[in-house]
């Protein structure tokens, strides 16, 4: 099965740092407010997913969600979470570090589409 979401080694290090400070984490791909469609990192205690969200997969021990409506636009796209320098304008946990998580994306190949891990409704 092909995964829908992945991350870079640089992003893993930031997740480790945030997890040490905040505990268990999760990601939600924002719907375009503030920094555009950005992967937002939250403590699982601070963010509630709802029936309008889907679980795309897991990255470095963190569930990765997005809204069902947004998934319709992203369903044929592989997402890689990375970091970049510069403070974003969101509520994501990495912002005080002077960095932000970003999405790098590409379309799935026909072979990948035929064997994708299914999303899970919340």
Protein backbone atom coordinates (compact mmCIF):
# COMPACT_ATOMS: atom_id res chain seq x y z
CA UNK A 1 0.00 0.00 0.00
CA UNK A 2 1.18 3.48 -0.82
CA UNK A 3 0.94 6.11 1.88
CA UNK A 4 -0.78 9.43 1.25
CA UNK A 5 1.48 11.47 3.52
CA UNK A 6 5.17 11.42 4.43
CA UNK A 7 7.75 13.78 5.92
CA UNK A 8 11.38 14.79 5.69
CA UNK A 9 14.12 14.03 8.20
CA UNK A 10 14.24 17.74 9.10
CA UNK A 11 10.54 17.66 9.95
CA UNK A 12 11.05 14.52 12.10
CA UNK A 13 13.60 16.36 14.25
CA UNK A 14 11.18 19.24 14.82
CA UNK A 15 8.39 16.81 15.72
CA UNK A 16 10.71 15.14 18.26
CA UNK A 17 11.49 18.53 19.80
CA UNK A 18 7.81 19.52 19.96
CA UNK A 19 6.76 16.12 21.34
CA UNK A 20 9.31 16.44 24.17
CA UNK A 21 7.70 19.74 25.17
CA UNK A 22 4.01 19.18 24.38
CA UNK A 23 3.42 15.42 24.54
CA UNK A 24 1.42 13.50 21.94
CA UNK A 25 0.93 15.46 18.70
CA UNK A 26 -1.30 15.45 15.64
CA UNK A 27 -1.45 17.34 12.32
CA UNK A 28 -4.34 18.92 10.47
CA UNK A 29 -3.96 20.40 7.00
CA UNK A 30 -5.52 23.83 7.28
CA UNK A 31 -8.13 24.81 4.76
CA UNK A 32 -6.45 27.95 3.47
CA UNK A 33 -6.73 30.49 6.27
CA UNK A 34 -3.68 32.48 7.35
CA UNK A 35 -0.74 30.74 5.61
CA UNK A 36 -2.78 29.00 2.93
CA UNK A 37 -3.05 25.22 3.14
CA UNK A 38 -0.42 24.54 5.79
CA UNK A 39 0.15 21.48 7.94
CA UNK A 40 -0.68 22.57 11.45
CA UNK A 41 0.78 20.72 14.44
CA UNK A 42 -1.21 20.56 17.68
CA UNK A 43 -1.21 18.71 20.96
CA UNK A 44 -3.84 15.98 20.72
CA UNK A 45 -5.32 17.48 23.90
CA UNK A 46 -5.78 20.89 22.22
CA UNK A 47 -7.42 20.03 18.89
CA UNK A 48 -10.62 18.11 18.31
CA UNK A 49 -11.21 16.44 14.97
CA UNK A 50 -14.80 16.07 13.94
CA UNK A 51 -17.09 14.17 11.64
CA UNK A 52 -16.13 16.52 8.79
CA UNK A 53 -12.47 15.33 8.93
CA UNK A 54 -10.66 12.31 7.50
CA UNK A 55 -7.49 10.59 8.68
CA UNK A 56 -4.99 10.42 5.82
CA UNK A 57 -2.35 8.47 7.70
CA UNK A 58 0.40 8.79 10.25
CA UNK A 59 3.72 10.61 10.15
CA UNK A 60 6.36 9.93 12.79
CA UNK A 61 3.75 8.77 15.30
CA UNK A 62 1.34 11.64 14.61
CA UNK A 63 -2.06 11.26 12.96
CA UNK A 64 -2.53 13.53 9.92
CA UNK A 65 -6.05 14.84 9.17
CA UNK A 66 -7.82 17.16 6.75
CA UNK A 67 -11.43 18.07 6.11
CA UNK A 68 -13.50 15.82 3.83
CA UNK A 69 -14.22 18.75 1.51
CA UNK A 70 -10.54 19.59 1.18
CA UNK A 71 -9.68 15.93 0.64
CA UNK A 72 -11.73 15.98 -2.57
CA UNK A 73 -9.13 18.38 -3.99
CA UNK A 74 -6.12 16.51 -2.56
CA UNK A 75 -7.22 12.88 -3.04
CA UNK A 76 -4.83 12.26 -5.96
CA UNK A 77 -1.91 14.06 -4.32
CA UNK A 78 0.97 12.73 -2.25
CA UNK A 79 1.86 15.08 0.60
CA UNK A 80 5.33 15.46 2.10
CA UNK A 81 5.62 17.56 5.24
CA UNK A 82 8.81 19.61 5.49
CA UNK A 83 9.95 22.73 7.35
CA UNK A 84 11.11 26.13 6.21
CA UNK A 85 12.68 29.08 7.97
CA UNK A 86 10.41 31.95 8.86
CA UNK A 87 7.56 32.46 11.21
CA UNK A 88 4.14 31.53 9.89
CA UNK A 89 0.94 33.23 10.94
CA UNK A 90 -0.84 30.25 12.44
CA UNK A 91 -1.41 28.55 15.78
CA UNK A 92 0.82 25.59 14.95
CA UNK A 93 3.24 24.58 17.74
CA UNK A 94 6.45 25.14 15.74
CA UNK A 95 5.80 28.85 15.08
CA UNK A 96 7.67 30.12 18.21
CA UNK A 97 10.77 28.28 16.94
CA UNK A 98 10.98 30.65 13.94
CA UNK A 99 10.14 27.89 11.47
CA UNK A 100 6.97 26.46 9.99
CA UNK A 101 5.78 23.21 8.54
CA UNK A 102 5.06 23.29 4.81
CA UNK A 103 3.58 20.88 2.29
CA UNK A 104 5.41 19.64 -0.77
CA UNK A 105 3.08 17.78 -3.08
CA UNK A 106 3.00 15.74 -6.25
CA UNK A 107 0.33 13.79 -8.09
CA UNK A 108 0.20 10.07 -7.50
CA UNK A 109 1.17 7.80 -10.38
CA UNK A 110 -1.46 5.47 -11.83
CA UNK A 111 0.25 2.57 -10.05
CA UNK A 112 0.11 4.38 -6.70
CA UNK A 113 -3.54 5.34 -7.17
CA UNK A 114 -4.46 1.70 -7.71
CA UNK A 115 -2.91 0.73 -4.37
CA UNK A 116 -3.41 3.70 -1.99
CA UNK A 117 -4.05 3.32 1.70
CA UNK A 118 -7.71 4.31 2.19
CA UNK A 119 -8.60 7.31 4.32
CA UNK A 120 -10.62 6.82 7.49
CA UNK A 121 -13.62 8.91 8.44
CA UNK A 122 -13.50 10.44 11.91
